PDB file of all heavy atoms in Angstrom:
ATOM      1  N   ALA A   1    -108.874  -6.721 -40.842  1.00  0.00           N
ATOM      2  CA  ALA A   1    -108.104  -5.478 -40.881  1.00  0.00           C
ATOM      3  C   ALA A   1    -108.695  -4.543 -39.830  1.00  0.00           C
ATOM      4  O   ALA A   1    -109.723  -4.834 -39.232  1.00  0.00           O
ATOM      5  CB  ALA A   1    -108.182  -4.847 -42.269  1.00  0.00           C
ATOM      6  N   SER A   2    -108.050  -3.432 -39.641  1.00  0.00           N
ATOM      7  CA  SER A   2    -108.588  -2.423 -38.738  1.00  0.00           C
ATOM      8  C   SER A   2    -109.785  -1.783 -39.430  1.00  0.00           C
ATOM      9  O   SER A   2    -109.678  -1.328 -40.559  1.00  0.00           O
ATOM     10  CB  SER A   2    -107.505  -1.392 -38.433  1.00  0.00           C
ATOM     11  OG  SER A   2    -107.999  -0.410 -37.569  1.00  0.00           O
ATOM     12  N   ALA A   3    -110.942  -1.764 -38.763  1.00  0.00           N
ATOM     13  CA  ALA A   3    -112.161  -1.255 -39.397  1.00  0.00           C
ATOM     14  C   ALA A   3    -112.959  -0.401 -38.422  1.00  0.00           C
ATOM     15  O   ALA A   3    -112.934  -0.625 -37.209  1.00  0.00           O
ATOM     16  CB  ALA A   3    -113.016  -2.414 -39.892  1.00  0.00           C
ATOM     17  N   VAL A   4    -113.671   0.568 -39.001  1.00  0.00           N
ATOM     18  CA  VAL A   4    -114.492   1.489 -38.222  1.00  0.00           C
ATOM     19  C   VAL A   4    -115.821   1.671 -38.950  1.00  0.00           C
ATOM     20  O   VAL A   4    -115.853   1.804 -40.176  1.00  0.00           O
ATOM     21  CB  VAL A   4    -113.777   2.853 -38.073  1.00  0.00           C
ATOM     22  CG1 VAL A   4    -114.714   3.909 -37.523  1.00  0.00           C
ATOM     23  CG2 VAL A   4    -112.556   2.729 -37.208  1.00  0.00           C
ATOM     24  N   ARG A   5    -116.907   1.668 -38.195  1.00  0.00           N
ATOM     25  CA  ARG A   5    -118.223   1.983 -38.754  1.00  0.00           C
ATOM     26  C   ARG A   5    -118.508   3.447 -38.419  1.00  0.00           C
ATOM     27  O   ARG A   5    -118.414   3.858 -37.260  1.00  0.00           O
ATOM     28  CB  ARG A   5    -119.303   1.094 -38.166  1.00  0.00           C
ATOM     29  CG  ARG A   5    -120.690   1.373 -38.743  1.00  0.00           C
ATOM     30  CD  ARG A   5    -121.739   0.399 -38.262  1.00  0.00           C
ATOM     31  NE  ARG A   5    -121.339  -0.991 -38.345  1.00  0.00           N
ATOM     32  CZ  ARG A   5    -121.376  -1.740 -39.453  1.00  0.00           C
ATOM     33  NH1 ARG A   5    -121.774  -1.207 -40.584  1.00  0.00           N
ATOM     34  NH2 ARG A   5    -121.002  -2.999 -39.415  1.00  0.00           N
ATOM     35  N   LEU A   6    -118.848   4.215 -39.449  1.00  0.00           N
ATOM     36  CA  LEU A   6    -119.141   5.635 -39.278  1.00  0.00           C
ATOM     37  C   LEU A   6    -120.593   5.864 -39.667  1.00  0.00           C
ATOM     38  O   LEU A   6    -120.985   5.614 -40.799  1.00  0.00           O
ATOM     39  CB  LEU A   6    -118.208   6.473 -40.169  1.00  0.00           C
ATOM     40  CG  LEU A   6    -118.428   7.974 -40.201  1.00  0.00           C
ATOM     41  CD1 LEU A   6    -118.239   8.578 -38.807  1.00  0.00           C
ATOM     42  CD2 LEU A   6    -117.478   8.623 -41.197  1.00  0.00           C
ATOM     43  N   THR A   7    -121.380   6.310 -38.693  1.00  0.00           N
ATOM     44  CA  THR A   7    -122.795   6.599 -38.938  1.00  0.00           C
ATOM     45  C   THR A   7    -122.963   8.108 -38.898  1.00  0.00           C
ATOM     46  O   THR A   7    -122.605   8.751 -37.908  1.00  0.00           O
ATOM     47  CB  THR A   7    -123.670   5.923 -37.872  1.00  0.00           C
ATOM     48  OG1 THR A   7    -123.385   4.524 -37.864  1.00  0.00           O
ATOM     49  CG2 THR A   7    -125.139   6.136 -38.155  1.00  0.00           C
ATOM     50  N   LEU A   8    -123.508   8.655 -39.987  1.00  0.00           N
ATOM     51  CA  LEU A   8    -123.717  10.104 -40.087  1.00  0.00           C
ATOM     52  C   LEU A   8    -125.206  10.382 -40.220  1.00  0.00           C
ATOM     53  O   LEU A   8    -125.930   9.627 -40.870  1.00  0.00           O
ATOM     54  CB  LEU A   8    -122.977  10.664 -41.310  1.00  0.00           C
ATOM     55  CG  LEU A   8    -121.470  10.442 -41.345  1.00  0.00           C
ATOM     56  CD1 LEU A   8    -120.908  10.823 -42.696  1.00  0.00           C
ATOM     57  CD2 LEU A   8    -120.797  11.243 -40.242  1.00  0.00           C
ATOM     58  N   ASN A   9    -125.641  11.484 -39.614  1.00  0.00           N
ATOM     59  CA  ASN A   9    -127.051  11.847 -39.684  1.00  0.00           C
ATOM     60  C   ASN A   9    -127.156  13.344 -39.932  1.00  0.00           C
ATOM     61  O   ASN A   9    -126.532  14.139 -39.236  1.00  0.00           O
ATOM     62  CB  ASN A   9    -127.773  11.474 -38.393  1.00  0.00           C
ATOM     63  CG  ASN A   9    -129.270  11.578 -38.524  1.00  0.00           C
ATOM     64  OD1 ASN A   9    -129.802  11.797 -39.610  1.00  0.00           O
ATOM     65  ND2 ASN A   9    -129.960  11.449 -37.407  1.00  0.00           N
ATOM     66  N   GLY A  10    -127.962  13.722 -40.927  1.00  0.00           N
ATOM     67  CA  GLY A  10    -128.193  15.133 -41.220  1.00  0.00           C
ATOM     68  C   GLY A  10    -127.016  15.825 -41.874  1.00  0.00           C
ATOM     69  O   GLY A  10    -126.771  16.998 -41.613  1.00  0.00           O
ATOM     70  N   VAL A  11    -126.290  15.130 -42.708  1.00  0.00           N
ATOM     71  CA  VAL A  11    -125.151  15.744 -43.408  1.00  0.00           C
ATOM     72  C   VAL A  11    -125.535  15.993 -44.858  1.00  0.00           C
ATOM     73  O   VAL A  11    -126.320  15.258 -45.451  1.00  0.00           O
ATOM     74  CB  VAL A  11    -123.886  14.854 -43.348  1.00  0.00           C
ATOM     75  CG1 VAL A  11    -123.408  14.691 -41.929  1.00  0.00           C
ATOM     76  CG2 VAL A  11    -124.108  13.517 -44.001  1.00  0.00           C
ATOM     77  N   SER A  12    -124.964  17.034 -45.422  1.00  0.00           N
ATOM     78  CA  SER A  12    -125.219  17.319 -46.831  1.00  0.00           C
ATOM     79  C   SER A  12    -124.288  16.450 -47.688  1.00  0.00           C
ATOM     80  O   SER A  12    -123.294  15.912 -47.200  1.00  0.00           O
ATOM     81  CB  SER A  12    -124.982  18.797 -47.129  1.00  0.00           C
ATOM     82  OG  SER A  12    -123.587  19.089 -47.033  1.00  0.00           O
ATOM     83  N   MET A  13    -124.614  16.343 -48.944  1.00  0.00           N
ATOM     84  CA  MET A  13    -123.780  15.570 -49.854  1.00  0.00           C
ATOM     85  C   MET A  13    -122.387  16.201 -49.945  1.00  0.00           C
ATOM     86  O   MET A  13    -121.384  15.504 -49.992  1.00  0.00           O
ATOM     87  CB  MET A  13    -124.427  15.492 -51.245  1.00  0.00           C
ATOM     88  CG  MET A  13    -123.653  14.650 -52.224  1.00  0.00           C
ATOM     89  SD  MET A  13    -123.490  12.926 -51.728  1.00  0.00           S
ATOM     90  CE  MET A  13    -125.058  12.288 -52.215  1.00  0.00           C
ATOM     91  N   GLU A  14    -122.328  17.522 -49.915  1.00  0.00           N
ATOM     92  CA  GLU A  14    -121.035  18.213 -49.981  1.00  0.00           C
ATOM     93  C   GLU A  14    -120.181  17.880 -48.746  1.00  0.00           C
ATOM     94  O   GLU A  14    -118.983  17.624 -48.866  1.00  0.00           O
ATOM     95  CB  GLU A  14    -121.269  19.720 -50.079  1.00  0.00           C
ATOM     96  CG  GLU A  14    -119.993  20.503 -50.273  1.00  0.00           C
ATOM     97  CD  GLU A  14    -120.248  21.997 -50.418  1.00  0.00           C
ATOM     98  OE1 GLU A  14    -121.334  22.393 -50.885  1.00  0.00           O
ATOM     99  OE2 GLU A  14    -119.347  22.764 -50.058  1.00  0.00           O
ATOM    100  N   GLU A  15    -120.818  17.874 -47.579  1.00  0.00           N
ATOM    101  CA  GLU A  15    -120.079  17.532 -46.362  1.00  0.00           C
ATOM    102  C   GLU A  15    -119.578  16.089 -46.404  1.00  0.00           C
ATOM    103  O   GLU A  15    -118.451  15.806 -45.999  1.00  0.00           O
ATOM    104  CB  GLU A  15    -120.975  17.714 -45.132  1.00  0.00           C
ATOM    105  CG  GLU A  15    -121.266  19.144 -44.789  1.00  0.00           C
ATOM    106  CD  GLU A  15    -122.255  19.267 -43.643  1.00  0.00           C
ATOM    107  OE1 GLU A  15    -123.272  18.530 -43.649  1.00  0.00           O
ATOM    108  OE2 GLU A  15    -122.006  20.097 -42.744  1.00  0.00           O
ATOM    109  N   LEU A  16    -120.415  15.196 -46.896  1.00  0.00           N
ATOM    110  CA  LEU A  16    -120.019  13.792 -47.009  1.00  0.00           C
ATOM    111  C   LEU A  16    -118.822  13.637 -47.951  1.00  0.00           C
ATOM    112  O   LEU A  16    -117.857  12.949 -47.641  1.00  0.00           O
ATOM    113  CB  LEU A  16    -121.190  12.935 -47.484  1.00  0.00           C
ATOM    114  CG  LEU A  16    -120.917  11.446 -47.691  1.00  0.00           C
ATOM    115  CD1 LEU A  16    -120.488  10.792 -46.385  1.00  0.00           C
ATOM    116  CD2 LEU A  16    -122.142  10.756 -48.264  1.00  0.00           C
ATOM    117  N   VAL A  17    -118.885  14.306 -49.093  1.00  0.00           N
ATOM    118  CA  VAL A  17    -117.779  14.235 -50.056  1.00  0.00           C
ATOM    119  C   VAL A  17    -116.516  14.839 -49.456  1.00  0.00           C
ATOM    120  O   VAL A  17    -115.423  14.280 -49.602  1.00  0.00           O
ATOM    121  CB  VAL A  17    -118.169  14.926 -51.387  1.00  0.00           C
ATOM    122  CG1 VAL A  17    -116.973  15.090 -52.293  1.00  0.00           C
ATOM    123  CG2 VAL A  17    -119.262  14.138 -52.083  1.00  0.00           C
ATOM    124  N   ASP A  18    -116.658  15.982 -48.766  1.00  0.00           N
ATOM    125  CA  ASP A  18    -115.488  16.604 -48.127  1.00  0.00           C
ATOM    126  C   ASP A  18    -114.872  15.672 -47.086  1.00  0.00           C
ATOM    127  O   ASP A  18    -113.644  15.559 -47.001  1.00  0.00           O
ATOM    128  CB  ASP A  18    -115.874  17.924 -47.463  1.00  0.00           C
ATOM    129  CG  ASP A  18    -116.144  19.030 -48.468  1.00  0.00           C
ATOM    130  OD1 ASP A  18    -115.760  18.873 -49.648  1.00  0.00           O
ATOM    131  OD2 ASP A  18    -116.749  20.054 -48.077  1.00  0.00           O
ATOM    132  N   LEU A  19    -115.716  15.013 -46.306  1.00  0.00           N
ATOM    133  CA  LEU A  19    -115.219  14.080 -45.300  1.00  0.00           C
ATOM    134  C   LEU A  19    -114.468  12.917 -45.955  1.00  0.00           C
ATOM    135  O   LEU A  19    -113.344  12.591 -45.558  1.00  0.00           O
ATOM    136  CB  LEU A  19    -116.364  13.540 -44.447  1.00  0.00           C
ATOM    137  CG  LEU A  19    -115.993  12.441 -43.455  1.00  0.00           C
ATOM    138  CD1 LEU A  19    -115.030  12.976 -42.399  1.00  0.00           C
ATOM    139  CD2 LEU A  19    -117.229  11.845 -42.822  1.00  0.00           C
ATOM    140  N   LEU A  20    -115.087  12.312 -46.944  1.00  0.00           N
ATOM    141  CA  LEU A  20    -114.442  11.186 -47.619  1.00  0.00           C
ATOM    142  C   LEU A  20    -113.153  11.615 -48.311  1.00  0.00           C
ATOM    143  O   LEU A  20    -112.148  10.892 -48.287  1.00  0.00           O
ATOM    144  CB  LEU A  20    -115.402  10.530 -48.620  1.00  0.00           C
ATOM    145  CG  LEU A  20    -116.596   9.820 -47.994  1.00  0.00           C
ATOM    146  CD1 LEU A  20    -117.547   9.329 -49.071  1.00  0.00           C
ATOM    147  CD2 LEU A  20    -116.135   8.673 -47.115  1.00  0.00           C
ATOM    148  N   TYR A  21    -113.147  12.798 -48.908  1.00  0.00           N
ATOM    149  CA  TYR A  21    -111.933  13.305 -49.540  1.00  0.00           C
ATOM    150  C   TYR A  21    -110.839  13.526 -48.496  1.00  0.00           C
ATOM    151  O   TYR A  21    -109.681  13.179 -48.716  1.00  0.00           O
ATOM    152  CB  TYR A  21    -112.214  14.610 -50.291  1.00  0.00           C
ATOM    153  CG  TYR A  21    -110.976  15.169 -50.938  1.00  0.00           C
ATOM    154  CD1 TYR A  21    -110.461  14.605 -52.106  1.00  0.00           C
ATOM    155  CD2 TYR A  21    -110.293  16.235 -50.368  1.00  0.00           C
ATOM    156  CE1 TYR A  21    -109.314  15.099 -52.698  1.00  0.00           C
ATOM    157  CE2 TYR A  21    -109.142  16.735 -50.948  1.00  0.00           C
ATOM    158  CZ  TYR A  21    -108.655  16.166 -52.109  1.00  0.00           C
ATOM    159  OH  TYR A  21    -107.513  16.654 -52.672  1.00  0.00           O
ATOM    160  N   GLY A  22    -111.210  14.080 -47.367  1.00  0.00           N
ATOM    161  CA  GLY A  22    -110.232  14.309 -46.301  1.00  0.00           C
ATOM    162  C   GLY A  22    -109.630  13.012 -45.787  1.00  0.00           C
ATOM    163  O   GLY A  22    -108.437  12.938 -45.499  1.00  0.00           O
ATOM    164  N   ILE A  23    -110.460  11.982 -45.698  1.00  0.00           N
ATOM    165  CA  ILE A  23    -109.967  10.679 -45.230  1.00  0.00           C
ATOM    166  C   ILE A  23    -109.045  10.064 -46.270  1.00  0.00           C
ATOM    167  O   ILE A  23    -107.961   9.582 -45.951  1.00  0.00           O
ATOM    168  CB  ILE A  23    -111.158   9.740 -44.926  1.00  0.00           C
ATOM    169  CG1 ILE A  23    -111.918  10.234 -43.689  1.00  0.00           C
ATOM    170  CG2 ILE A  23    -110.661   8.317 -44.716  1.00  0.00           C
ATOM    171  CD1 ILE A  23    -113.247   9.535 -43.464  1.00  0.00           C
ATOM    172  N   GLN A  24    -109.442  10.114 -47.532  1.00  0.00           N
ATOM    173  CA  GLN A  24    -108.654   9.497 -48.598  1.00  0.00           C
ATOM    174  C   GLN A  24    -107.371  10.270 -48.901  1.00  0.00           C
ATOM    175  O   GLN A  24    -106.352   9.678 -49.206  1.00  0.00           O
ATOM    176  CB  GLN A  24    -109.491   9.384 -49.886  1.00  0.00           C
ATOM    177  CG  GLN A  24    -110.641   8.433 -49.786  1.00  0.00           C
ATOM    178  CD  GLN A  24    -110.193   6.994 -49.699  1.00  0.00           C
ATOM    179  OE1 GLN A  24    -109.290   6.591 -50.401  1.00  0.00           O
ATOM    180  NE2 GLN A  24    -110.815   6.234 -48.831  1.00  0.00           N
ATOM    181  N   SER A  25    -107.423  11.598 -48.846  1.00  0.00           N
ATOM    182  CA  SER A  25    -106.262  12.393 -49.238  1.00  0.00           C
ATOM    183  C   SER A  25    -105.163  12.385 -48.191  1.00  0.00           C
ATOM    184  O   SER A  25    -104.059  12.831 -48.459  1.00  0.00           O
ATOM    185  CB  SER A  25    -106.683  13.826 -49.542  1.00  0.00           C
ATOM    186  OG  SER A  25    -107.156  14.453 -48.367  1.00  0.00           O
ATOM    187  N   ALA A  26    -105.445  11.886 -47.016  1.00  0.00           N
ATOM    188  CA  ALA A  26    -104.433  11.837 -45.967  1.00  0.00           C
ATOM    189  C   ALA A  26    -103.338  10.823 -46.294  1.00  0.00           C
ATOM    190  O   ALA A  26    -102.318  10.775 -45.627  1.00  0.00           O
ATOM    191  CB  ALA A  26    -105.071  11.503 -44.626  1.00  0.00           C
ATOM    192  N   ASP A  27    -103.517  10.009 -47.318  1.00  0.00           N
ATOM    193  CA  ASP A  27    -102.538   9.021 -47.771  1.00  0.00           C
ATOM    194  C   ASP A  27    -102.155   8.052 -46.651  1.00  0.00           C
ATOM    195  O   ASP A  27    -101.002   7.702 -46.486  1.00  0.00           O
ATOM    196  CB  ASP A  27    -101.293   9.723 -48.328  1.00  0.00           C
ATOM    197  CG  ASP A  27    -100.500   8.808 -49.245  1.00  0.00           C
ATOM    198  OD1 ASP A  27    -101.091   7.864 -49.811  1.00  0.00           O
ATOM    199  OD2 ASP A  27     -99.289   9.021 -49.393  1.00  0.00           O
ATOM    200  N   LYS A  28    -103.147   7.660 -45.890  1.00  0.00           N
ATOM    201  CA  LYS A  28    -102.919   6.697 -44.813  1.00  0.00           C
ATOM    202  C   LYS A  28    -103.485   5.331 -45.151  1.00  0.00           C
ATOM    203  O   LYS A  28    -103.622   4.490 -44.298  1.00  0.00           O
ATOM    204  CB  LYS A  28    -103.548   7.205 -43.506  1.00  0.00           C
ATOM    205  CG  LYS A  28    -102.984   8.500 -43.018  1.00  0.00           C
ATOM    206  CD  LYS A  28    -101.541   8.376 -42.603  1.00  0.00           C
ATOM    207  CE  LYS A  28    -101.063   9.675 -41.997  1.00  0.00           C
ATOM    208  NZ  LYS A  28     -99.673   9.685 -41.680  1.00  0.00           N
ATOM    209  N   LEU A  29    -103.877   5.148 -46.379  1.00  0.00           N
ATOM    210  CA  LEU A  29    -104.352   3.865 -46.881  1.00  0.00           C
ATOM    211  C   LEU A  29    -105.656   3.435 -46.193  1.00  0.00           C
ATOM    212  O   LEU A  29    -105.804   2.323 -45.726  1.00  0.00           O
ATOM    213  CB  LEU A  29    -103.272   2.793 -46.701  1.00  0.00           C
ATOM    214  CG  LEU A  29    -103.385   1.560 -47.566  1.00  0.00           C
ATOM    215  CD1 LEU A  29    -103.274   1.917 -49.026  1.00  0.00           C
ATOM    216  CD2 LEU A  29    -102.349   0.554 -47.198  1.00  0.00           C
ATOM    217  N   VAL A  30    -106.587   4.373 -46.136  1.00  0.00           N
ATOM    218  CA  VAL A  30    -107.912   4.089 -45.600  1.00  0.00           C
ATOM    219  C   VAL A  30    -108.846   3.926 -46.782  1.00  0.00           C
ATOM    220  O   VAL A  30    -108.853   4.734 -47.707  1.00  0.00           O
ATOM    221  CB  VAL A  30    -108.406   5.224 -44.678  1.00  0.00           C
ATOM    222  CG1 VAL A  30    -109.811   4.935 -44.179  1.00  0.00           C
ATOM    223  CG2 VAL A  30    -107.445   5.398 -43.519  1.00  0.00           C
ATOM    224  N   VAL A  31    -109.646   2.854 -46.758  1.00  0.00           N
ATOM    225  CA  VAL A  31    -110.516   2.532 -47.881  1.00  0.00           C
ATOM    226  C   VAL A  31    -111.961   2.500 -47.406  1.00  0.00           C
ATOM    227  O   VAL A  31    -112.272   1.934 -46.355  1.00  0.00           O
ATOM    228  CB  VAL A  31    -110.129   1.145 -48.470  1.00  0.00           C
ATOM    229  CG1 VAL A  31    -111.053   0.758 -49.601  1.00  0.00           C
ATOM    230  CG2 VAL A  31    -108.687   1.139 -48.915  1.00  0.00           C
ATOM    231  N   LEU A  32    -112.832   3.103 -48.219  1.00  0.00           N
ATOM    232  CA  LEU A  32    -114.261   2.993 -47.964  1.00  0.00           C
ATOM    233  C   LEU A  32    -114.663   1.599 -48.416  1.00  0.00           C
ATOM    234  O   LEU A  32    -114.713   1.303 -49.591  1.00  0.00           O
ATOM    235  CB  LEU A  32    -115.048   4.062 -48.731  1.00  0.00           C
ATOM    236  CG  LEU A  32    -116.562   3.982 -48.623  1.00  0.00           C
ATOM    237  CD1 LEU A  32    -117.010   4.133 -47.175  1.00  0.00           C
ATOM    238  CD2 LEU A  32    -117.209   5.015 -49.501  1.00  0.00           C
ATOM    239  N   HIS A  33    -114.913   0.745 -47.465  1.00  0.00           N
ATOM    240  CA  HIS A  33    -115.187  -0.669 -47.759  1.00  0.00           C
ATOM    241  C   HIS A  33    -116.645  -0.911 -48.122  1.00  0.00           C
ATOM    242  O   HIS A  33    -116.952  -1.688 -49.011  1.00  0.00           O
ATOM    243  CB  HIS A  33    -114.786  -1.519 -46.557  1.00  0.00           C
ATOM    244  CG  HIS A  33    -115.113  -2.971 -46.693  1.00  0.00           C
ATOM    245  ND1 HIS A  33    -114.505  -3.777 -47.608  1.00  0.00           N
ATOM    246  CD2 HIS A  33    -116.007  -3.745 -46.035  1.00  0.00           C
ATOM    247  CE1 HIS A  33    -114.998  -4.994 -47.511  1.00  0.00           C
ATOM    248  NE2 HIS A  33    -115.915  -5.002 -46.560  1.00  0.00           N
ATOM    249  N   GLU A  34    -117.534  -0.228 -47.425  1.00  0.00           N
ATOM    250  CA  GLU A  34    -118.947  -0.537 -47.619  1.00  0.00           C
ATOM    251  C   GLU A  34    -119.809   0.655 -47.218  1.00  0.00           C
ATOM    252  O   GLU A  34    -119.537   1.333 -46.242  1.00  0.00           O
ATOM    253  CB  GLU A  34    -119.290  -1.754 -46.753  1.00  0.00           C
ATOM    254  CG  GLU A  34    -120.664  -2.282 -46.905  1.00  0.00           C
ATOM    255  CD  GLU A  34    -120.886  -3.528 -46.049  1.00  0.00           C
ATOM    256  OE1 GLU A  34    -120.140  -3.753 -45.068  1.00  0.00           O
ATOM    257  OE2 GLU A  34    -121.833  -4.261 -46.359  1.00  0.00           O
ATOM    258  N   VAL A  35    -120.840   0.892 -48.008  1.00  0.00           N
ATOM    259  CA  VAL A  35    -121.886   1.854 -47.653  1.00  0.00           C
ATOM    260  C   VAL A  35    -123.137   1.017 -47.432  1.00  0.00           C
ATOM    261  O   VAL A  35    -123.736   0.530 -48.376  1.00  0.00           O
ATOM    262  CB  VAL A  35    -122.113   2.898 -48.769  1.00  0.00           C
ATOM    263  CG1 VAL A  35    -123.237   3.849 -48.377  1.00  0.00           C
ATOM    264  CG2 VAL A  35    -120.840   3.658 -49.077  1.00  0.00           C
ATOM    265  N   THR A  36    -123.499   0.824 -46.171  1.00  0.00           N
ATOM    266  CA  THR A  36    -124.624  -0.067 -45.871  1.00  0.00           C
ATOM    267  C   THR A  36    -125.960   0.661 -45.862  1.00  0.00           C
ATOM    268  O   THR A  36    -127.006   0.020 -45.910  1.00  0.00           O
ATOM    269  CB  THR A  36    -124.432  -0.769 -44.517  1.00  0.00           C
ATOM    270  OG1 THR A  36    -124.271   0.218 -43.509  1.00  0.00           O
ATOM    271  CG2 THR A  36    -123.224  -1.681 -44.552  1.00  0.00           C
ATOM    272  N   HIS A  37    -125.891   1.971 -45.804  1.00  0.00           N
ATOM    273  CA  HIS A  37    -127.142   2.735 -45.671  1.00  0.00           C
ATOM    274  C   HIS A  37    -126.867   4.147 -46.177  1.00  0.00           C
ATOM    275  O   HIS A  37    -125.940   4.803 -45.717  1.00  0.00           O
ATOM    276  CB  HIS A  37    -127.538   2.738 -44.190  1.00  0.00           C
ATOM    277  CG  HIS A  37    -128.758   3.521 -43.867  1.00  0.00           C
ATOM    278  ND1 HIS A  37    -130.015   3.076 -44.143  1.00  0.00           N
ATOM    279  CD2 HIS A  37    -128.915   4.734 -43.279  1.00  0.00           C
ATOM    280  CE1 HIS A  37    -130.897   3.971 -43.721  1.00  0.00           C
ATOM    281  NE2 HIS A  37    -130.244   4.979 -43.200  1.00  0.00           N
ATOM    282  N   LEU A  38    -127.673   4.616 -47.121  1.00  0.00           N
ATOM    283  CA  LEU A  38    -127.553   5.993 -47.610  1.00  0.00           C
ATOM    284  C   LEU A  38    -128.928   6.430 -48.092  1.00  0.00           C
ATOM    285  O   LEU A  38    -129.429   5.907 -49.088  1.00  0.00           O
ATOM    286  CB  LEU A  38    -126.529   6.093 -48.743  1.00  0.00           C
ATOM    287  CG  LEU A  38    -126.336   7.485 -49.367  1.00  0.00           C
ATOM    288  CD1 LEU A  38    -125.818   8.470 -48.327  1.00  0.00           C
ATOM    289  CD2 LEU A  38    -125.387   7.405 -50.542  1.00  0.00           C
ATOM    290  N   GLN A  39    -129.533   7.364 -47.354  1.00  0.00           N
ATOM    291  CA  GLN A  39    -130.868   7.841 -47.717  1.00  0.00           C
ATOM    292  C   GLN A  39    -131.089   9.201 -47.073  1.00  0.00           C
ATOM    293  O   GLN A  39    -130.366   9.598 -46.166  1.00  0.00           O
ATOM    294  CB  GLN A  39    -131.941   6.854 -47.266  1.00  0.00           C
ATOM    295  CG  GLN A  39    -132.095   6.727 -45.770  1.00  0.00           C
ATOM    296  CD  GLN A  39    -133.130   5.680 -45.395  1.00  0.00           C
ATOM    297  OE1 GLN A  39    -133.363   4.742 -46.137  1.00  0.00           O
ATOM    298  NE2 GLN A  39    -133.739   5.847 -44.229  1.00  0.00           N
ATOM    299  N   PRO A  40    -132.123   9.909 -47.515  1.00  0.00           N
ATOM    300  CA  PRO A  40    -132.444  11.186 -46.869  1.00  0.00           C
ATOM    301  C   PRO A  40    -132.821  10.945 -45.401  1.00  0.00           C
ATOM    302  O   PRO A  40    -133.440   9.939 -45.063  1.00  0.00           O
ATOM    303  CB  PRO A  40    -133.654  11.700 -47.658  1.00  0.00           C
ATOM    304  CG  PRO A  40    -133.627  10.972 -48.959  1.00  0.00           C
ATOM    305  CD  PRO A  40    -132.978   9.654 -48.678  1.00  0.00           C
ATOM    306  N   SER A  41    -132.432  11.878 -44.560  1.00  0.00           N
ATOM    307  CA  SER A  41    -132.745  11.711 -43.140  1.00  0.00           C
ATOM    308  C   SER A  41    -134.244  11.881 -42.909  1.00  0.00           C
ATOM    309  O   SER A  41    -134.951  12.493 -43.702  1.00  0.00           O
ATOM    310  CB  SER A  41    -131.947  12.705 -42.294  1.00  0.00           C
ATOM    311  OG  SER A  41    -132.334  14.017 -42.607  1.00  0.00           O
ATOM    312  N   LYS A  42    -134.724  11.340 -41.811  1.00  0.00           N
ATOM    313  CA  LYS A  42    -136.158  11.353 -41.507  1.00  0.00           C
ATOM    314  C   LYS A  42    -136.701  12.756 -41.286  1.00  0.00           C
ATOM    315  O   LYS A  42    -137.857  13.039 -41.565  1.00  0.00           O
ATOM    316  CB  LYS A  42    -136.414  10.463 -40.295  1.00  0.00           C
ATOM    317  CG  LYS A  42    -136.193   9.003 -40.594  1.00  0.00           C
ATOM    318  CD  LYS A  42    -136.419   8.145 -39.365  1.00  0.00           C
ATOM    319  CE  LYS A  42    -136.278   6.687 -39.684  1.00  0.00           C
ATOM    320  NZ  LYS A  42    -134.953   6.176 -39.697  1.00  0.00           N
ATOM    321  N   ASP A  43    -135.850  13.634 -40.786  1.00  0.00           N
ATOM    322  CA  ASP A  43    -136.312  15.005 -40.559  1.00  0.00           C
ATOM    323  C   ASP A  43    -136.179  15.881 -41.804  1.00  0.00           C
ATOM    324  O   ASP A  43    -136.528  17.063 -41.779  1.00  0.00           O
ATOM    325  CB  ASP A  43    -135.569  15.636 -39.373  1.00  0.00           C
ATOM    326  CG  ASP A  43    -134.072  15.732 -39.594  1.00  0.00           C
ATOM    327  OD1 ASP A  43    -133.587  15.412 -40.708  1.00  0.00           O
ATOM    328  OD2 ASP A  43    -133.366  16.128 -38.649  1.00  0.00           O
TER     329      ASP A  43
END
């Protein structure tokens, strides 16, 4: 399928949720397939 890897650095949990909500609410049938890495940033 059409797939995109999105790497985020230094984002808050609220920003991440807002981003995912914005992607999902667009009703374009985009699915979060995998979260390969989620941890506090090094800084």
